[in-house]
C-alpha atoms as a PDB file:
ATOM      1  CA  MET A   1     -18.954  11.411   4.055  1.00  0.00           C
ATOM      2  CA  SER A   2     -18.449  14.059   1.400  1.00  0.00           C
ATOM      3  CA  TYR A   3     -19.800  13.117  -2.016  1.00  0.00           C
ATOM      4  CA  SER A   4     -17.414  15.473  -3.811  1.00  0.00           C
ATOM      5  CA  GLY A   5     -14.527  14.033  -1.806  1.00  0.00           C
ATOM      6  CA  GLN A   6     -15.574  10.537  -2.819  1.00  0.00           C
ATOM      7  CA  GLN A   7     -15.689  11.479  -6.472  1.00  0.00           C
ATOM      8  CA  THR A   8     -12.265  13.104  -6.262  1.00  0.00           C
ATOM      9  CA  PHE A   9     -10.907   9.931  -4.653  1.00  0.00           C
ATOM     10  CA  ARG A  10     -12.515   7.772  -7.329  1.00  0.00           C
ATOM     11  CA  ALA A  11     -11.132   9.934 -10.116  1.00  0.00           C
ATOM     12  CA  ALA A  12      -7.643   9.745  -8.607  1.00  0.00           C
ATOM     13  CA  VAL A  13      -7.819   5.949  -8.325  1.00  0.00           C
ATOM     14  CA  LEU A  14      -9.061   5.591 -11.890  1.00  0.00           C
ATOM     15  CA  ALA A  15      -6.354   7.923 -13.207  1.00  0.00           C
ATOM     16  CA  ALA A  16      -3.687   6.038 -11.261  1.00  0.00           C
ATOM     17  CA  GLU A  17      -4.928   2.733 -12.692  1.00  0.00           C
ATOM     18  CA  GLY A  18      -4.770   4.164 -16.209  1.00  0.00           C
ATOM     19  CA  VAL A  19      -1.188   5.294 -15.691  1.00  0.00           C
ATOM     20  CA  ARG A  20      -0.292   1.884 -14.232  1.00  0.00           C
ATOM     21  CA  GLN A  21      -1.777   0.053 -17.214  1.00  0.00           C
ATOM     22  CA  GLN A  22       0.066   2.297 -19.665  1.00  0.00           C
ATOM     23  CA  ALA A  23       3.348   1.735 -17.833  1.00  0.00           C
ATOM     24  CA  LYS A  24       2.812  -2.022 -17.842  1.00  0.00           C
ATOM     25  CA  ALA A  25       1.985  -1.998 -21.550  1.00  0.00           C
ATOM     26  CA  ALA A  26       5.096   0.038 -22.351  1.00  0.00           C
ATOM     27  CA  ALA A  27       7.233  -2.309 -20.247  1.00  0.00           C
ATOM     28  CA  PHE A  28       5.784  -5.320 -22.051  1.00  0.00           C
ATOM     29  CA  VAL A  29       6.541  -3.835 -25.461  1.00  0.00           C
ATOM     30  CA  ALA A  30      10.111  -3.052 -24.367  1.00  0.00           C
ATOM     31  CA  TYR A  31      10.482  -6.601 -23.019  1.00  0.00           C
ATOM     32  CA  GLY A  32       9.472  -8.197 -26.314  1.00  0.00           C
ATOM     33  CA  TYR A  33      10.062 -11.734 -25.006  1.00  0.00           C
ATOM     34  CA  VAL A  34      13.816 -11.136 -25.004  1.00  0.00           C
ATOM     35  CA  ALA A  35      15.378 -12.953 -22.060  1.00  0.00           C
ATOM     36  CA  ALA A  36      17.971 -10.209 -21.564  1.00  0.00           C
ATOM     37  CA  ASN A  37      15.139  -7.695 -20.982  1.00  0.00           C
ATOM     38  CA  LEU A  38      13.313  -9.765 -18.347  1.00  0.00           C
ATOM     39  CA  ALA A  39      14.861  -8.136 -15.277  1.00  0.00           C
ATOM     40  CA  THR A  40      14.114  -4.659 -16.629  1.00  0.00           C
ATOM     41  CA  TYR A  41      10.535  -5.716 -17.380  1.00  0.00           C
ATOM     42  CA  GLN A  42      10.007  -7.083 -13.871  1.00  0.00           C
ATOM     43  CA  THR A  43      11.419  -3.913 -12.341  1.00  0.00           C
ATOM     44  CA  ALA A  44       9.164  -1.739 -14.500  1.00  0.00           C
ATOM     45  CA  ILE A  45       6.098  -3.762 -13.469  1.00  0.00           C
ATOM     46  CA  ALA A  46       7.003  -3.450  -9.791  1.00  0.00           C
ATOM     47  CA  ASP A  47       7.638   0.290 -10.187  1.00  0.00           C
ATOM     48  CA  ALA A  48       4.243   0.737 -11.866  1.00  0.00           C
ATOM     49  CA  ASP A  49       2.544  -1.011  -8.949  1.00  0.00           C
ATOM     50  CA  VAL A  50       4.431   1.073  -6.381  1.00  0.00           C
ATOM     51  CA  ALA A  51       3.461   4.278  -8.192  1.00  0.00           C
ATOM     52  CA  TYR A  52      -0.182   3.143  -8.242  1.00  0.00           C
ATOM     53  CA  PHE A  53      -0.301   2.381  -4.529  1.00  0.00           C
ATOM     54  CA  THR A  54       1.487   5.637  -3.727  1.00  0.00           C
ATOM     55  CA  ALA A  55      -1.101   7.587  -5.719  1.00  0.00           C
ATOM     56  CA  VAL A  56      -3.991   5.740  -4.053  1.00  0.00           C
ATOM     57  CA  ASN A  57      -2.510   6.346  -0.599  1.00  0.00           C
ATOM     58  CA  THR A  58      -2.074  10.036  -1.366  1.00  0.00           C
ATOM     59  CA  ALA A  59      -5.689  10.319  -2.543  1.00  0.00           C
ATOM     60  CA  TYR A  60      -6.876   8.318   0.472  1.00  0.00           C
ATOM     61  CA  ASN A  61      -5.015  10.556   2.901  1.00  0.00           C
ATOM     62  CA  ALA A  62      -6.386  13.668   1.187  1.00  0.00           C
ATOM     63  CA  LEU A  63      -9.918  12.269   1.503  1.00  0.00           C
ATOM     64  CA  ASN A  64      -9.421  11.929   5.275  1.00  0.00           C
ATOM     65  CA  GLU A  65     -12.360   9.530   5.567  1.00  0.00           C
ATOM     66  CA  THR A  66     -12.774   5.788   5.966  1.00  0.00           C
ATOM     67  CA  THR A  67     -13.265   3.961   2.664  1.00  0.00           C
ATOM     68  CA  GLY A  68     -12.271   0.416   3.597  1.00  0.00           C
ATOM     69  CA  LEU A  69     -10.018  -1.097   0.962  1.00  0.00           C
ATOM     70  CA  ALA A  70     -11.647   0.589  -2.032  1.00  0.00           C
ATOM     71  CA  GLY A  71      -9.016   1.257  -4.649  1.00  0.00           C
ATOM     72  CA  PHE A  72      -6.157  -0.528  -2.932  1.00  0.00           C
ATOM     73  CA  GLY A  73      -6.542  -3.775  -4.880  1.00  0.00           C
ATOM     74  CA  GLY A  74      -7.252  -2.193  -8.233  1.00  0.00           C
ATOM     75  CA  PRO A  75      -9.754   0.069  -9.878  1.00  0.00           C
ATOM     76  CA  ILE A  76     -13.037   0.620  -8.099  1.00  0.00           C
ATOM     77  CA  PRO A  77     -15.837  -1.277  -9.875  1.00  0.00           C
ATOM     78  CA  GLY A  78     -18.078   1.241 -11.583  1.00  0.00           C
ATOM     79  CA  GLY A  79     -15.739   3.929 -10.326  1.00  0.00           C
ATOM     80  CA  GLY A  80     -16.769   6.455 -12.887  1.00  0.00           C
ATOM     81  CA  TRP A  81     -20.353   6.802 -11.727  1.00  0.00           C
ATOM     82  CA  THR A  82     -21.390   4.834  -8.608  1.00  0.00           C
ATOM     83  CA  PRO A  83     -21.360   6.283  -5.093  1.00  0.00           C
ATOM     84  CA  MET A  84     -18.631   4.900  -2.872  1.00  0.00           C
ATOM     85  CA  LEU A  85     -21.102   3.433  -0.404  1.00  0.00           C
ATOM     86  CA  ALA A  86     -22.276   1.025  -3.105  1.00  0.00           C
ATOM     87  CA  VAL A  87     -18.953  -0.858  -2.907  1.00  0.00           C
ATOM     88  CA  ALA A  88     -18.534  -0.664   0.872  1.00  0.00           C
END
């Protein structure tokens, strides 16, 4: 397994999680507990999740190695500095 490939995968997952959290925060602010905005909020949350999983799948396919489910359920614990094998 390529260490540089692992780090690239980790960085992509962490970046995708950051984008997802920002999108969810923006959707929440736009929702503002107004019932009329609920459907738009739910759609924005679902879209943020789809974008996250798409980004993780793209990074996973580019890695072309087996990582288990790392990154598919959320950010990788310690993703900024631990080797991937530590979470396998």
